[in-house]
């Protein structure tokens, strides 16, 4: 189980997952391998000044595991212009790339999938 995180509310589902991890782990692995794992709805928690997207603890764990596995498999085929990947320059690298090439192009297109799933959840409601 991942490192203990202490900033969760005492009623958060992370504690149940930690307590029953020895039971949950093989179940989740079997569900993923068989294609039967289903993500729960992403919760949008609205604060006065900011909103937060909140995955269930199991979903967050599965997403992290998928990220680790898929990163290794996709590295050879992902564009070197995906600046969000570790070691690819981040924001500064992206700005540098645009500055070097802006005179050759009419437009610059920036995309970001942050809040994508929360936006989908709002459309469903």
Protein backbone atom coordinates (compact mmCIF):
# COMPACT_ATOMS: atom_id res chain seq x y z
CA UNK A 1 0.00 0.00 0.00
CA UNK A 2 1.26 3.52 -0.76
CA UNK A 3 2.89 5.67 1.89
CA UNK A 4 0.60 6.81 4.70
CA UNK A 5 -1.03 10.15 4.00
CA UNK A 6 -2.25 11.95 7.10
CA UNK A 7 -4.16 14.90 5.66
CA UNK A 8 -7.31 12.94 4.80
CA UNK A 9 -10.50 13.34 6.83
CA UNK A 10 -11.07 10.50 9.30
CA UNK A 11 -14.15 9.43 7.29
CA UNK A 12 -12.34 9.35 3.93
CA UNK A 13 -12.43 6.07 2.01
CA UNK A 14 -8.63 5.89 1.95
CA UNK A 15 -8.62 4.49 5.47
CA UNK A 16 -10.92 1.59 4.56
CA UNK A 17 -8.72 0.82 1.57
CA UNK A 18 -5.62 0.82 3.77
CA UNK A 19 -7.27 -1.37 6.41
CA UNK A 20 -8.46 -3.96 3.87
CA UNK A 21 -5.62 -3.66 1.34
CA UNK A 22 -4.63 -7.32 1.70
CA UNK A 23 -8.16 -8.25 0.48
CA UNK A 24 -8.64 -5.42 -2.01
CA UNK A 25 -5.36 -5.74 -3.92
CA UNK A 26 -5.98 -9.17 -5.51
CA UNK A 27 -9.59 -8.22 -6.29
CA UNK A 28 -8.57 -5.02 -8.07
CA UNK A 29 -5.79 -6.79 -9.95
CA UNK A 30 -8.23 -9.44 -11.17
CA UNK A 31 -10.77 -6.81 -12.22
CA UNK A 32 -8.16 -4.84 -14.16
CA UNK A 33 -6.74 -7.91 -15.88
CA UNK A 34 -10.23 -9.11 -16.89
CA UNK A 35 -11.33 -5.67 -18.08
CA UNK A 36 -14.07 -5.52 -15.43
CA UNK A 37 -12.77 -2.63 -13.30
CA UNK A 38 -15.19 0.29 -13.38
CA UNK A 39 -14.31 3.79 -12.23
CA UNK A 40 -16.73 5.55 -9.96
CA UNK A 41 -17.96 9.04 -10.75
CA UNK A 42 -15.47 11.80 -10.24
CA UNK A 43 -16.69 14.04 -7.43
CA UNK A 44 -16.55 17.79 -7.86
CA UNK A 45 -16.25 19.48 -4.48
CA UNK A 46 -17.00 23.18 -4.69
CA UNK A 47 -15.41 25.51 -2.20
CA UNK A 48 -15.97 29.22 -1.84
CA UNK A 49 -12.89 30.13 -3.84
CA UNK A 50 -11.86 26.90 -5.52
CA UNK A 51 -13.31 23.60 -6.72
CA UNK A 52 -11.61 20.23 -6.37
CA UNK A 53 -11.91 17.07 -8.42
CA UNK A 54 -11.89 14.01 -6.16
CA UNK A 55 -11.41 10.43 -7.28
CA UNK A 56 -12.25 7.59 -4.91
CA UNK A 57 -9.14 6.15 -3.27
CA UNK A 58 -9.30 2.94 -5.30
CA UNK A 59 -9.76 4.87 -8.54
CA UNK A 60 -6.82 7.16 -7.72
CA UNK A 61 -4.68 4.11 -7.00
CA UNK A 62 -5.70 2.41 -10.26
CA UNK A 63 -5.05 5.61 -12.24
CA UNK A 64 -1.58 5.91 -10.72
CA UNK A 65 -0.79 2.27 -11.49
CA UNK A 66 -2.03 2.70 -15.08
CA UNK A 67 0.10 5.82 -15.47
CA UNK A 68 3.22 3.98 -14.34
CA UNK A 69 2.60 1.01 -16.64
CA UNK A 70 1.45 2.98 -19.69
CA UNK A 71 4.26 5.52 -19.46
CA UNK A 72 6.81 2.78 -20.03
CA UNK A 73 4.88 1.34 -22.99
CA UNK A 74 4.10 4.69 -24.63
CA UNK A 75 7.49 6.40 -24.22
CA UNK A 76 8.78 5.25 -27.63
CA UNK A 77 5.73 6.53 -29.53
CA UNK A 78 4.83 9.78 -27.76
CA UNK A 79 5.81 13.02 -29.45
CA UNK A 80 8.85 14.79 -28.06
CA UNK A 81 6.62 17.88 -28.11
CA UNK A 82 4.56 16.58 -25.18
CA UNK A 83 6.21 18.91 -22.70
CA UNK A 84 4.32 17.70 -19.63
CA UNK A 85 6.31 14.47 -19.49
CA UNK A 86 9.18 14.35 -17.01
CA UNK A 87 12.42 15.43 -18.64
CA UNK A 88 10.73 17.17 -21.57
CA UNK A 89 11.12 20.77 -20.44
CA UNK A 90 7.76 21.48 -18.83
CA UNK A 91 6.29 24.95 -19.27
CA UNK A 92 9.65 26.56 -20.01
CA UNK A 93 10.37 24.00 -22.72
CA UNK A 94 6.98 24.58 -24.31
CA UNK A 95 7.45 28.37 -24.30
CA UNK A 96 10.95 27.99 -25.74
CA UNK A 97 9.61 25.73 -28.54
CA UNK A 98 6.86 28.21 -29.41
CA UNK A 99 9.26 31.17 -29.38
CA UNK A 100 11.65 29.36 -31.72
CA UNK A 101 8.90 28.47 -34.21
CA UNK A 102 6.29 31.22 -33.95
CA UNK A 103 7.58 33.16 -36.96
CA UNK A 104 6.97 30.13 -39.21
CA UNK A 105 3.30 29.71 -38.19
CA UNK A 106 0.14 31.77 -38.03
CA UNK A 107 -1.35 30.12 -34.96
CA UNK A 108 -0.30 28.44 -31.72
CA UNK A 109 -2.59 25.81 -30.25
CA UNK A 110 -2.37 24.94 -26.57
CA UNK A 111 -4.37 22.10 -25.04
CA UNK A 112 -4.84 20.89 -21.51
CA UNK A 113 -7.11 18.16 -20.19
CA UNK A 114 -7.19 19.47 -16.61
CA UNK A 115 -10.79 19.37 -15.34
CA UNK A 116 -11.84 17.30 -18.36
CA UNK A 117 -13.54 14.60 -16.29
CA UNK A 118 -15.22 17.11 -14.00
CA UNK A 119 -16.58 18.87 -17.08
CA UNK A 120 -18.01 15.60 -18.38
CA UNK A 121 -19.60 14.93 -14.98
CA UNK A 122 -21.21 18.39 -15.02
CA UNK A 123 -22.65 17.72 -18.49
CA UNK A 124 -24.28 14.55 -17.20
CA UNK A 125 -26.06 16.40 -14.37
